[in-house]
Amino acid sequence: MKNGDLKKLIFKTVGLAMGIAALVLNIMNKLEAKSAITLLSIGLICLAISELENKKAN
């Protein structure tokens, strides 16, 4: 596995994990709106970085 592939995988995994964490914590009523927005923002940023790296490679 190349370094670039590993970086893309990490960013996509973090993005997915943040979305799942926000969902689960919300279901458990353990998450405030501000915290949810922060988690989802981090996930979205990671997914955007992954896509930008993908466009850059092509």
Protein backbone atom coordinates (compact mmCIF):
# COMPACT_ATOMS: atom_id res chain seq x y z
CA MET A 1 0.00 0.00 0.00
CA LYS A 2 1.38 3.38 -0.99
CA ASN A 3 1.66 6.31 1.41
CA GLY A 4 -0.98 8.26 -0.52
CA ASP A 5 -3.40 5.33 -0.40
CA LEU A 6 -2.91 4.98 3.34
CA LYS A 7 -3.55 8.70 3.87
CA LYS A 8 -6.78 8.53 1.83
CA LEU A 9 -7.91 5.48 3.79
CA ILE A 10 -7.23 7.21 7.11
CA PHE A 11 -9.13 10.37 6.12
CA LYS A 12 -12.11 8.37 4.85
CA THR A 13 -12.14 6.21 7.98
CA VAL A 14 -12.03 9.23 10.30
CA GLY A 15 -14.86 10.86 8.34
CA LEU A 16 -17.00 7.74 8.63
CA ALA A 17 -16.17 7.29 12.32
CA MET A 18 -17.16 10.87 13.15
CA GLY A 19 -20.51 10.42 11.44
CA ILE A 20 -21.19 7.16 13.25
CA ALA A 21 -20.08 8.63 16.59
CA ALA A 22 -22.41 11.60 16.17
CA LEU A 23 -25.32 9.30 15.31
CA VAL A 24 -24.75 6.89 18.20
CA LEU A 25 -24.22 9.65 20.77
CA ASN A 26 -27.35 11.41 19.54
CA ILE A 27 -29.40 8.21 19.88
CA MET A 28 -28.11 7.84 23.45
CA ASN A 29 -29.02 11.49 24.18
CA LYS A 30 -25.41 12.19 25.21
CA LEU A 31 -24.63 14.81 22.59
CA GLU A 32 -25.29 18.53 22.50
CA ALA A 33 -25.84 20.33 19.21
CA LYS A 34 -22.52 22.18 19.41
CA SER A 35 -20.60 18.94 19.91
CA ALA A 36 -22.48 17.24 17.08
CA ILE A 37 -21.63 20.05 14.70
CA THR A 38 -17.97 19.81 15.69
CA LEU A 39 -17.86 16.04 15.14
CA LEU A 40 -19.62 16.26 11.79
CA SER A 41 -17.40 19.16 10.70
CA ILE A 42 -14.25 17.17 11.42
CA GLY A 43 -15.67 14.24 9.46
CA LEU A 44 -16.62 16.45 6.53
CA ILE A 45 -13.18 18.08 6.46
CA CYS A 46 -11.50 14.66 6.40
CA LEU A 47 -13.70 13.48 3.54
CA ALA A 48 -13.02 16.70 1.62
CA ILE A 49 -9.25 16.31 2.07
CA SER A 50 -9.51 12.74 0.82
CA GLU A 51 -11.38 13.85 -2.31
CA LEU A 52 -8.98 16.72 -2.96
CA GLU A 53 -6.05 14.30 -2.75
CA ASN A 54 -7.89 12.02 -5.18
CA LYS A 55 -8.40 14.88 -7.67
CA LYS A 56 -4.77 15.94 -7.26
CA ALA A 57 -3.54 12.41 -8.07
CA ASN A 58 -5.55 12.29 -11.32
